[in-house]
Amino acid sequence: MKKSWRLSAIFGLFLLAGLIAYANIINSWFLSDDFAQIGKVIAGDLSVVWGKEHGGFFRPLFILSYLIDSSLWGARPFGFHLTNVLFHAASGILLYLLLSHVFASVFFLNGSWKVSERGQKRFQWICGSAFVIALIWVVHPVHSAAVDYISGRADSLAFFFAAAGWLLFILAQRLSSRGVRIAIYFSAAISGLLALLSREIACIWILLFLAHLCQLRTIGVERFEELSGDADSVGQGEVVGVSHQGTLTTISNRYRSLRIASSRHSSASACGCRCAS
């Protein structure tokens, strides 16, 4: 309960920060490309999906957001700007959750969600750092083009769905049910596709996700070989399982208990010898 309240407070703070930072633009009029794109969508012309006026692109989800806004708000720019701000703030929330996991996984050199989650609880600076960075990201003026211009929301949409897909992938690792886990993995893939259908820049986030995953896999394989070598040198090591990232999830401590038992037996034997002598 305490954790849910804390997360709710953090999410509310991000939304409030986004609304305050961009309060001056919410009641603004359409800007620049907004006139051409939104005007055509309201008129029923969906040729802007292909972006021929700008060299050509394919962003159907981006244009779909226009259709939803126009059905809710008509030609009033307030609703379009509000959608931009809300998507930007929501992206900041996802960035906070994502950075919390990524920082923990990199710090502990382990992609396991269990290790990452324990690390976040034990070392509060991990979540604190993610919070500060994400909050600065929300209010930083460098994003004004993506938020102020309604036509710039393609960036926010692309990041929102790319980050959501990454987080869904992490969530799938927590589930024990194979069927549900596969469904979540499929949802993560769909979310990545939606990011690409929002704007092409989403491929950068997908590449970063794959690079992070490959790095953790490489680190996991190296740790597996190192720990396996240590276990073999003792003679009592037993590998219990390897996670799907390639990281060693469990190394049996059987050799430790055997060594303790052996040392106790040796001590008892030595004591018996002294008594006999």
C-alpha atoms as a PDB file:
ATOM      1  CA  MET A   1       0.000   0.000   0.000  1.00  0.00           C
ATOM      2  CA  LYS A   2       2.809   2.399   0.906  1.00  0.00           C
ATOM      3  CA  LYS A   3       4.563   1.723  -2.392  1.00  0.00           C
ATOM      4  CA  SER A   4       1.389   2.301  -4.416  1.00  0.00           C
ATOM      5  CA  TRP A   5       0.837   5.633  -2.661  1.00  0.00           C
ATOM      6  CA  ARG A   6       4.424   6.647  -3.351  1.00  0.00           C
ATOM      7  CA  LEU A   7       4.127   5.765  -7.032  1.00  0.00           C
ATOM      8  CA  SER A   8       0.808   7.593  -7.282  1.00  0.00           C
ATOM      9  CA  ALA A   9       2.408  10.686  -5.772  1.00  0.00           C
ATOM     10  CA  ILE A  10       5.326  10.471  -8.192  1.00  0.00           C
ATOM     11  CA  PHE A  11       3.008  10.055 -11.173  1.00  0.00           C
ATOM     12  CA  GLY A  12       0.890  12.992 -10.009  1.00  0.00           C
ATOM     13  CA  LEU A  13       3.996  15.129  -9.604  1.00  0.00           C
ATOM     14  CA  PHE A  14       5.092  14.380 -13.172  1.00  0.00           C
ATOM     15  CA  LEU A  15       1.662  15.311 -14.531  1.00  0.00           C
ATOM     16  CA  LEU A  16       1.615  18.506 -12.485  1.00  0.00           C
ATOM     17  CA  ALA A  17       5.141  19.428 -13.578  1.00  0.00           C
ATOM     18  CA  GLY A  18       4.206  18.926 -17.231  1.00  0.00           C
ATOM     19  CA  LEU A  19       1.051  21.019 -16.931  1.00  0.00           C
ATOM     20  CA  ILE A  20       2.900  23.836 -15.154  1.00  0.00           C
ATOM     21  CA  ALA A  21       5.863  23.806 -17.533  1.00  0.00           C
ATOM     22  CA  TYR A  22       3.635  24.047 -20.599  1.00  0.00           C
ATOM     23  CA  ALA A  23       0.694  25.971 -19.140  1.00  0.00           C
ATOM     24  CA  ASN A  24       1.371  28.904 -21.458  1.00  0.00           C
ATOM     25  CA  ILE A  25       0.881  26.785 -24.571  1.00  0.00           C
ATOM     26  CA  ILE A  26      -2.322  24.933 -23.652  1.00  0.00           C
ATOM     27  CA  ASN A  27      -4.548  27.888 -24.534  1.00  0.00           C
ATOM     28  CA  SER A  28      -2.472  28.773 -27.585  1.00  0.00           C
ATOM     29  CA  TRP A  29      -3.641  28.546 -31.196  1.00  0.00           C
ATOM     30  CA  PHE A  30      -2.451  26.140 -33.890  1.00  0.00           C
ATOM     31  CA  LEU A  31       1.171  26.670 -34.908  1.00  0.00           C
ATOM     32  CA  SER A  32       3.126  26.184 -38.137  1.00  0.00           C
ATOM     33  CA  ASP A  33       2.457  22.720 -39.628  1.00  0.00           C
ATOM     34  CA  ASP A  34      -0.576  22.297 -37.362  1.00  0.00           C
ATOM     35  CA  PHE A  35      -2.740  24.283 -39.777  1.00  0.00           C
ATOM     36  CA  ALA A  36      -2.017  22.116 -42.810  1.00  0.00           C
ATOM     37  CA  GLN A  37      -2.073  18.739 -41.071  1.00  0.00           C
ATOM     38  CA  ILE A  38      -4.987  19.190 -38.673  1.00  0.00           C
ATOM     39  CA  GLY A  39      -6.992  21.142 -41.216  1.00  0.00           C
ATOM     40  CA  LYS A  40      -6.765  18.275 -43.688  1.00  0.00           C
ATOM     41  CA  VAL A  41      -7.642  15.678 -41.029  1.00  0.00           C
ATOM     42  CA  ILE A  42     -10.697  17.639 -39.924  1.00  0.00           C
ATOM     43  CA  ALA A  43     -11.725  17.956 -43.575  1.00  0.00           C
ATOM     44  CA  GLY A  44     -11.421  14.171 -43.987  1.00  0.00           C
ATOM     45  CA  ASP A  45      -8.239  14.262 -46.077  1.00  0.00           C
ATOM     46  CA  LEU A  46      -5.946  11.535 -44.693  1.00  0.00           C
ATOM     47  CA  SER A  47      -3.220  12.001 -47.276  1.00  0.00           C
ATOM     48  CA  VAL A  48      -1.084  13.516 -44.490  1.00  0.00           C
ATOM     49  CA  VAL A  49      -0.494   9.957 -43.282  1.00  0.00           C
ATOM     50  CA  TRP A  50       2.109   9.688 -46.017  1.00  0.00           C
ATOM     51  CA  GLY A  51       3.624  13.135 -45.393  1.00  0.00           C
ATOM     52  CA  LYS A  52       4.238  13.836 -49.065  1.00  0.00           C
ATOM     53  CA  GLU A  53       4.611  17.559 -48.364  1.00  0.00           C
ATOM     54  CA  HIS A  54       7.625  16.796 -46.148  1.00  0.00           C
ATOM     55  CA  GLY A  55       9.462  14.304 -48.344  1.00  0.00           C
ATOM     56  CA  GLY A  56       7.294  11.330 -47.520  1.00  0.00           C
ATOM     57  CA  PHE A  57       6.764   9.281 -44.367  1.00  0.00           C
ATOM     58  CA  PHE A  58       4.289   6.792 -42.947  1.00  0.00           C
ATOM     59  CA  ARG A  59       2.886   7.723 -39.508  1.00  0.00           C
ATOM     60  CA  PRO A  60      -0.648   6.354 -39.258  1.00  0.00           C
ATOM     61  CA  LEU A  61      -0.780   6.304 -35.446  1.00  0.00           C
ATOM     62  CA  PHE A  62       0.299   9.925 -35.361  1.00  0.00           C
ATOM     63  CA  ILE A  63      -2.564  10.890 -37.678  1.00  0.00           C
ATOM     64  CA  LEU A  64      -4.963   8.627 -35.757  1.00  0.00           C
ATOM     65  CA  SER A  65      -4.297  10.754 -32.664  1.00  0.00           C
ATOM     66  CA  TYR A  66      -5.448  13.764 -34.704  1.00  0.00           C
ATOM     67  CA  LEU A  67      -8.652  11.958 -35.596  1.00  0.00           C
ATOM     68  CA  ILE A  68      -9.341  11.120 -31.952  1.00  0.00           C
ATOM     69  CA  ASP A  69      -8.678  14.690 -30.854  1.00  0.00           C
ATOM     70  CA  SER A  70     -10.846  16.146 -33.614  1.00  0.00           C
ATOM     71  CA  SER A  71     -13.715  13.838 -32.623  1.00  0.00           C
ATOM     72  CA  LEU A  72     -13.409  15.000 -28.994  1.00  0.00           C
ATOM     73  CA  TRP A  73     -12.573  18.667 -29.415  1.00  0.00           C
ATOM     74  CA  GLY A  74     -13.566  19.567 -32.939  1.00  0.00           C
ATOM     75  CA  ALA A  75     -11.366  22.384 -34.237  1.00  0.00           C
ATOM     76  CA  ARG A  76     -10.548  23.766 -30.772  1.00  0.00           C
ATOM     77  CA  PRO A  77      -6.770  23.794 -30.276  1.00  0.00           C
ATOM     78  CA  PHE A  78      -7.025  23.502 -26.467  1.00  0.00           C
ATOM     79  CA  GLY A  79      -7.742  19.763 -26.587  1.00  0.00           C
ATOM     80  CA  PHE A  80      -4.927  19.097 -29.071  1.00  0.00           C
ATOM     81  CA  HIS A  81      -2.400  20.952 -26.916  1.00  0.00           C
ATOM     82  CA  LEU A  82      -3.664  19.205 -23.781  1.00  0.00           C
ATOM     83  CA  THR A  83      -3.120  15.821 -25.432  1.00  0.00           C
ATOM     84  CA  ASN A  84       0.445  16.836 -26.276  1.00  0.00           C
ATOM     85  CA  VAL A  85       1.199  17.836 -22.680  1.00  0.00           C
ATOM     86  CA  LEU A  86      -0.385  14.693 -21.217  1.00  0.00           C
ATOM     87  CA  PHE A  87       1.538  12.396 -23.569  1.00  0.00           C
ATOM     88  CA  HIS A  88       4.771  14.201 -22.731  1.00  0.00           C
ATOM     89  CA  ALA A  89       4.159  13.909 -18.975  1.00  0.00           C
ATOM     90  CA  ALA A  90       3.189  10.235 -19.328  1.00  0.00           C
ATOM     91  CA  SER A  91       6.400   9.641 -21.273  1.00  0.00           C
ATOM     92  CA  GLY A  92       8.303  11.143 -18.339  1.00  0.00           C
ATOM     93  CA  ILE A  93       6.633   8.658 -15.996  1.00  0.00           C
ATOM     94  CA  LEU A  94       7.657   5.757 -18.228  1.00  0.00           C
ATOM     95  CA  LEU A  95      11.177   7.177 -18.446  1.00  0.00           C
ATOM     96  CA  TYR A  96      11.390   7.189 -14.628  1.00  0.00           C
ATOM     97  CA  LEU A  97      10.284   3.553 -14.392  1.00  0.00           C
ATOM     98  CA  LEU A  98      12.621   2.518 -17.199  1.00  0.00           C
ATOM     99  CA  LEU A  99      15.674   4.326 -15.826  1.00  0.00           C
ATOM    100  CA  SER A 100      15.087   2.803 -12.382  1.00  0.00           C
ATOM    101  CA  HIS A 101      15.413  -0.673 -13.870  1.00  0.00           C
ATOM    102  CA  VAL A 102      18.236   0.137 -16.290  1.00  0.00           C
ATOM    103  CA  PHE A 103      20.348   1.852 -13.615  1.00  0.00           C
ATOM    104  CA  ALA A 104      19.869  -1.086 -11.244  1.00  0.00           C
ATOM    105  CA  SER A 105      20.641  -3.680 -13.924  1.00  0.00           C
ATOM    106  CA  VAL A 106      23.806  -1.858 -14.992  1.00  0.00           C
ATOM    107  CA  PHE A 107      24.918  -1.200 -11.401  1.00  0.00           C
ATOM    108  CA  PHE A 108      24.527  -4.848 -10.417  1.00  0.00           C
ATOM    109  CA  LEU A 109      25.655  -6.136 -13.844  1.00  0.00           C
ATOM    110  CA  ASN A 110      22.603  -8.357 -13.958  1.00  0.00           C
ATOM    111  CA  GLY A 111      19.538  -8.183 -16.179  1.00  0.00           C
ATOM    112  CA  SER A 112      17.397 -10.201 -13.800  1.00  0.00           C
ATOM    113  CA  TRP A 113      14.312  -8.273 -12.702  1.00  0.00           C
ATOM    114  CA  LYS A 114      14.627  -9.805  -9.231  1.00  0.00           C
ATOM    115  CA  VAL A 115      18.128  -8.422  -8.737  1.00  0.00           C
ATOM    116  CA  SER A 116      17.050  -5.093 -10.206  1.00  0.00           C
ATOM    117  CA  GLU A 117      13.990  -4.833  -7.976  1.00  0.00           C
ATOM    118  CA  ARG A 118      15.926  -5.719  -4.827  1.00  0.00           C
ATOM    119  CA  GLY A 119      18.570  -3.190  -5.782  1.00  0.00           C
ATOM    120  CA  GLN A 120      16.003  -0.432  -6.200  1.00  0.00           C
ATOM    121  CA  LYS A 121      14.612  -1.154  -2.724  1.00  0.00           C
ATOM    122  CA  ARG A 122      17.977  -1.372  -1.008  1.00  0.00           C
ATOM    123  CA  PHE A 123      19.717   1.510  -2.766  1.00  0.00           C
ATOM    124  CA  GLN A 124      17.290   4.418  -2.851  1.00  0.00           C
ATOM    125  CA  TRP A 125      19.715   6.568  -4.826  1.00  0.00           C
ATOM    126  CA  ILE A 126      18.929   4.457  -7.897  1.00  0.00           C
ATOM    127  CA  CYS A 127      15.258   5.456  -7.942  1.00  0.00           C
ATOM    128  CA  GLY A 128      16.198   8.938  -6.756  1.00  0.00           C
ATOM    129  CA  SER A 129      18.572   9.459  -9.673  1.00  0.00           C
ATOM    130  CA  ALA A 130      15.993   8.137 -12.130  1.00  0.00           C
ATOM    131  CA  PHE A 131      13.378  10.466 -10.626  1.00  0.00           C
ATOM    132  CA  VAL A 132      15.537  13.596 -10.906  1.00  0.00           C
ATOM    133  CA  ILE A 133      16.628  12.837 -14.471  1.00  0.00           C
ATOM    134  CA  ALA A 134      13.092  12.052 -15.641  1.00  0.00           C
ATOM    135  CA  LEU A 135      11.642  15.142 -13.948  1.00  0.00           C
ATOM    136  CA  ILE A 136      14.260  17.382 -15.578  1.00  0.00           C
ATOM    137  CA  TRP A 137      13.463  15.672 -18.870  1.00  0.00           C
ATOM    138  CA  VAL A 138       9.774  16.582 -18.488  1.00  0.00           C
ATOM    139  CA  VAL A 139      10.290  20.290 -17.791  1.00  0.00           C
ATOM    140  CA  HIS A 140      13.392  20.925 -19.912  1.00  0.00           C
ATOM    141  CA  PRO A 141      12.738  23.469 -22.693  1.00  0.00           C
ATOM    142  CA  VAL A 142      14.607  21.359 -25.230  1.00  0.00           C
ATOM    143  CA  HIS A 143      11.320  19.484 -25.727  1.00  0.00           C
ATOM    144  CA  SER A 144       9.329  22.600 -26.552  1.00  0.00           C
ATOM    145  CA  ALA A 145       9.170  21.731 -30.250  1.00  0.00           C
ATOM    146  CA  ALA A 146       7.704  18.308 -29.466  1.00  0.00           C
ATOM    147  CA  VAL A 147       5.113  19.721 -27.046  1.00  0.00           C
ATOM    148  CA  ASP A 148       4.328  23.254 -28.226  1.00  0.00           C
ATOM    149  CA  TYR A 149       3.687  22.238 -31.810  1.00  0.00           C
ATOM    150  CA  ILE A 150       0.769  19.841 -32.053  1.00  0.00           C
ATOM    151  CA  SER A 151       2.428  18.354 -35.121  1.00  0.00           C
ATOM    152  CA  GLY A 152       5.467  17.591 -32.944  1.00  0.00           C
ATOM    153  CA  ARG A 153       3.640  15.010 -30.853  1.00  0.00           C
ATOM    154  CA  ALA A 154       4.995  12.261 -33.100  1.00  0.00           C
ATOM    155  CA  ASP A 155       8.168  12.320 -30.969  1.00  0.00           C
ATOM    156  CA  SER A 156       6.227  11.911 -27.724  1.00  0.00           C
ATOM    157  CA  LEU A 157       4.130   9.105 -29.192  1.00  0.00           C
ATOM    158  CA  ALA A 158       7.201   7.285 -30.483  1.00  0.00           C
ATOM    159  CA  PHE A 159       8.971   7.435 -27.133  1.00  0.00           C
ATOM    160  CA  PHE A 160       5.830   6.593 -25.167  1.00  0.00           C
ATOM    161  CA  PHE A 161       5.210   3.329 -27.018  1.00  0.00           C
ATOM    162  CA  ALA A 162       8.915   2.433 -27.241  1.00  0.00           C
ATOM    163  CA  ALA A 163       9.350   2.850 -23.464  1.00  0.00           C
ATOM    164  CA  ALA A 164       6.085   1.003 -22.826  1.00  0.00           C
ATOM    165  CA  GLY A 165       7.315  -1.915 -24.923  1.00  0.00           C
ATOM    166  CA  TRP A 166      10.602  -2.032 -23.003  1.00  0.00           C
ATOM    167  CA  LEU A 167       8.742  -2.014 -19.670  1.00  0.00           C
ATOM    168  CA  LEU A 168       6.342  -4.724 -20.860  1.00  0.00           C
ATOM    169  CA  PHE A 169       9.354  -6.860 -21.726  1.00  0.00           C
ATOM    170  CA  ILE A 170      10.654  -6.366 -18.177  1.00  0.00           C
ATOM    171  CA  LEU A 171       7.215  -7.160 -16.762  1.00  0.00           C
ATOM    172  CA  ALA A 172       7.064 -10.436 -18.711  1.00  0.00           C
ATOM    173  CA  GLN A 173      10.200 -11.594 -16.905  1.00  0.00           C
ATOM    174  CA  ARG A 174       8.366 -11.479 -13.579  1.00  0.00           C
ATOM    175  CA  LEU A 175       5.559 -13.794 -14.591  1.00  0.00           C
ATOM    176  CA  SER A 176       5.621 -17.507 -13.869  1.00  0.00           C
ATOM    177  CA  SER A 177       2.711 -18.422 -16.137  1.00  0.00           C
ATOM    178  CA  ARG A 178       4.094 -19.292 -19.560  1.00  0.00           C
ATOM    179  CA  GLY A 179       0.917 -18.331 -21.410  1.00  0.00           C
ATOM    180  CA  VAL A 180       0.628 -14.918 -19.751  1.00  0.00           C
ATOM    181  CA  ARG A 181       4.336 -14.290 -20.226  1.00  0.00           C
ATOM    182  CA  ILE A 182       4.062 -14.962 -23.961  1.00  0.00           C
ATOM    183  CA  ALA A 183       1.058 -12.630 -24.169  1.00  0.00           C
ATOM    184  CA  ILE A 184       3.028  -9.843 -22.472  1.00  0.00           C
ATOM    185  CA  TYR A 185       6.011 -10.395 -24.769  1.00  0.00           C
ATOM    186  CA  PHE A 186       3.641 -10.152 -27.725  1.00  0.00           C
ATOM    187  CA  SER A 187       2.204  -6.926 -26.292  1.00  0.00           C
ATOM    188  CA  ALA A 188       5.728  -5.546 -25.973  1.00  0.00           C
ATOM    189  CA  ALA A 189       6.366  -6.296 -29.647  1.00  0.00           C
ATOM    190  CA  ILE A 190       3.080  -4.622 -30.624  1.00  0.00           C
ATOM    191  CA  SER A 191       4.027  -1.590 -28.564  1.00  0.00           C
ATOM    192  CA  GLY A 192       7.340  -1.371 -30.409  1.00  0.00           C
ATOM    193  CA  LEU A 193       5.481  -1.554 -33.715  1.00  0.00           C
ATOM    194  CA  LEU A 194       3.150   1.244 -32.603  1.00  0.00           C
ATOM    195  CA  ALA A 195       6.207   3.345 -31.788  1.00  0.00           C
ATOM    196  CA  LEU A 196       7.506   2.854 -35.327  1.00  0.00           C
ATOM    197  CA  LEU A 197       4.079   3.748 -36.721  1.00  0.00           C
ATOM    198  CA  SER A 198       4.235   7.009 -34.744  1.00  0.00           C
ATOM    199  CA  ARG A 199       7.587   8.195 -36.045  1.00  0.00           C
ATOM    200  CA  GLU A 200      10.693   6.638 -37.540  1.00  0.00           C
ATOM    201  CA  ILE A 201      12.889   7.879 -34.676  1.00  0.00           C
ATOM    202  CA  ALA A 202      11.483   5.011 -32.588  1.00  0.00           C
ATOM    203  CA  CYS A 203      14.005   2.696 -34.236  1.00  0.00           C
ATOM    204  CA  ILE A 204      16.700   4.412 -32.127  1.00  0.00           C
ATOM    205  CA  TRP A 205      14.953   3.400 -28.902  1.00  0.00           C
ATOM    206  CA  ILE A 206      14.495  -0.146 -30.168  1.00  0.00           C
ATOM    207  CA  LEU A 207      18.204  -0.312 -31.035  1.00  0.00           C
ATOM    208  CA  LEU A 208      19.086   0.980 -27.554  1.00  0.00           C
ATOM    209  CA  PHE A 209      16.895  -1.730 -26.040  1.00  0.00           C
ATOM    210  CA  LEU A 210      18.613  -4.429 -28.105  1.00  0.00           C
ATOM    211  CA  ALA A 211      22.064  -3.036 -27.284  1.00  0.00           C
ATOM    212  CA  HIS A 212      21.255  -3.044 -23.563  1.00  0.00           C
ATOM    213  CA  LEU A 213      19.925  -6.580 -23.794  1.00  0.00           C
ATOM    214  CA  CYS A 214      23.016  -7.796 -25.666  1.00  0.00           C
ATOM    215  CA  GLN A 215      25.300  -6.111 -23.149  1.00  0.00           C
ATOM    216  CA  LEU A 216      23.575  -7.842 -20.258  1.00  0.00           C
ATOM    217  CA  ARG A 217      23.695 -11.141 -22.121  1.00  0.00           C
ATOM    218  CA  THR A 218      27.454 -10.748 -22.685  1.00  0.00           C
ATOM    219  CA  ILE A 219      28.041  -9.837 -19.054  1.00  0.00           C
ATOM    220  CA  GLY A 220      25.861 -12.750 -17.962  1.00  0.00           C
ATOM    221  CA  VAL A 221      27.789 -15.256 -20.082  1.00  0.00           C
ATOM    222  CA  GLU A 222      31.097 -13.992 -18.699  1.00  0.00           C
ATOM    223  CA  ARG A 223      29.797 -14.252 -15.124  1.00  0.00           C
ATOM    224  CA  PHE A 224      28.419 -17.715 -15.849  1.00  0.00           C
ATOM    225  CA  GLU A 225      31.799 -18.924 -17.112  1.00  0.00           C
ATOM    226  CA  GLU A 226      33.602 -17.296 -14.202  1.00  0.00           C
ATOM    227  CA  LEU A 227      31.309 -18.729 -11.544  1.00  0.00           C
ATOM    228  CA  SER A 228      31.210 -22.115 -13.232  1.00  0.00           C
ATOM    229  CA  GLY A 229      35.009 -22.159 -13.288  1.00  0.00           C
ATOM    230  CA  ASP A 230      35.141 -21.301  -9.595  1.00  0.00           C
ATOM    231  CA  ALA A 231      32.664 -24.061  -8.825  1.00  0.00           C
ATOM    232  CA  ASP A 232      34.647 -26.612 -10.841  1.00  0.00           C
ATOM    233  CA  SER A 233      37.857 -25.638  -9.084  1.00  0.00           C
ATOM    234  CA  VAL A 234      36.266 -26.399  -5.736  1.00  0.00           C
ATOM    235  CA  GLY A 235      34.861 -29.619  -7.059  1.00  0.00           C
ATOM    236  CA  GLN A 236      31.439 -29.239  -5.555  1.00  0.00           C
ATOM    237  CA  GLY A 237      29.821 -26.548  -7.703  1.00  0.00           C
ATOM    238  CA  GLU A 238      26.458 -27.173  -9.194  1.00  0.00           C
ATOM    239  CA  VAL A 239      24.772 -24.942 -11.702  1.00  0.00           C
ATOM    240  CA  VAL A 240      21.059 -24.885 -11.010  1.00  0.00           C
ATOM    241  CA  GLY A 241      19.766 -22.646 -13.774  1.00  0.00           C
ATOM    242  CA  VAL A 242      20.485 -19.938 -16.287  1.00  0.00           C
ATOM    243  CA  SER A 243      18.038 -17.167 -17.090  1.00  0.00           C
ATOM    244  CA  HIS A 244      16.941 -16.367 -20.621  1.00  0.00           C
ATOM    245  CA  GLN A 245      19.372 -13.415 -20.682  1.00  0.00           C
ATOM    246  CA  GLY A 246      22.196 -15.854 -20.261  1.00  0.00           C
ATOM    247  CA  THR A 247      22.917 -14.718 -16.710  1.00  0.00           C
ATOM    248  CA  LEU A 248      23.498 -17.235 -13.965  1.00  0.00           C
ATOM    249  CA  THR A 249      20.394 -17.083 -11.790  1.00  0.00           C
ATOM    250  CA  THR A 250      21.322 -19.632  -9.130  1.00  0.00           C
ATOM    251  CA  ILE A 251      24.590 -21.249  -8.036  1.00  0.00           C
ATOM    252  CA  SER A 252      24.100 -23.998  -5.538  1.00  0.00           C
ATOM    253  CA  ASN A 253      25.846 -23.539  -2.206  1.00  0.00           C
ATOM    254  CA  ARG A 254      26.111 -27.261  -1.728  1.00  0.00           C
ATOM    255  CA  TYR A 255      29.900 -27.162  -1.880  1.00  0.00           C
ATOM    256  CA  ARG A 256      29.930 -24.661   0.980  1.00  0.00           C
ATOM    257  CA  SER A 257      27.866 -26.910   3.220  1.00  0.00           C
ATOM    258  CA  LEU A 258      30.022 -29.892   2.254  1.00  0.00           C
ATOM    259  CA  ARG A 259      33.175 -27.960   3.042  1.00  0.00           C
ATOM    260  CA  ILE A 260      31.739 -26.957   6.421  1.00  0.00           C
ATOM    261  CA  ALA A 261      30.719 -30.547   7.118  1.00  0.00           C
ATOM    262  CA  SER A 262      34.139 -31.756   6.017  1.00  0.00           C
ATOM    263  CA  SER A 263      35.927 -29.287   8.273  1.00  0.00           C
ATOM    264  CA  ARG A 264      33.751 -30.325  11.209  1.00  0.00           C
ATOM    265  CA  HIS A 265      34.508 -33.967  10.500  1.00  0.00           C
ATOM    266  CA  SER A 266      38.225 -33.196  10.331  1.00  0.00           C
ATOM    267  CA  SER A 267      38.023 -31.312  13.642  1.00  0.00           C
ATOM    268  CA  ALA A 268      36.168 -34.171  15.252  1.00  0.00           C
ATOM    269  CA  SER A 269      38.712 -36.686  13.943  1.00  0.00           C
ATOM    270  CA  ALA A 270      41.586 -34.584  15.189  1.00  0.00           C
ATOM    271  CA  CYS A 271      39.932 -34.266  18.589  1.00  0.00           C
ATOM    272  CA  GLY A 272      39.407 -38.067  18.700  1.00  0.00           C
ATOM    273  CA  CYS A 273      43.038 -38.675  17.850  1.00  0.00           C
ATOM    274  CA  ARG A 274      44.185 -36.368  20.655  1.00  0.00           C
ATOM    275  CA  CYS A 275      41.891 -38.105  23.125  1.00  0.00           C
ATOM    276  CA  ALA A 276      43.154 -41.517  22.042  1.00  0.00           C
ATOM    277  CA  SER A 277      46.752 -40.427  22.456  1.00  0.00           C
END
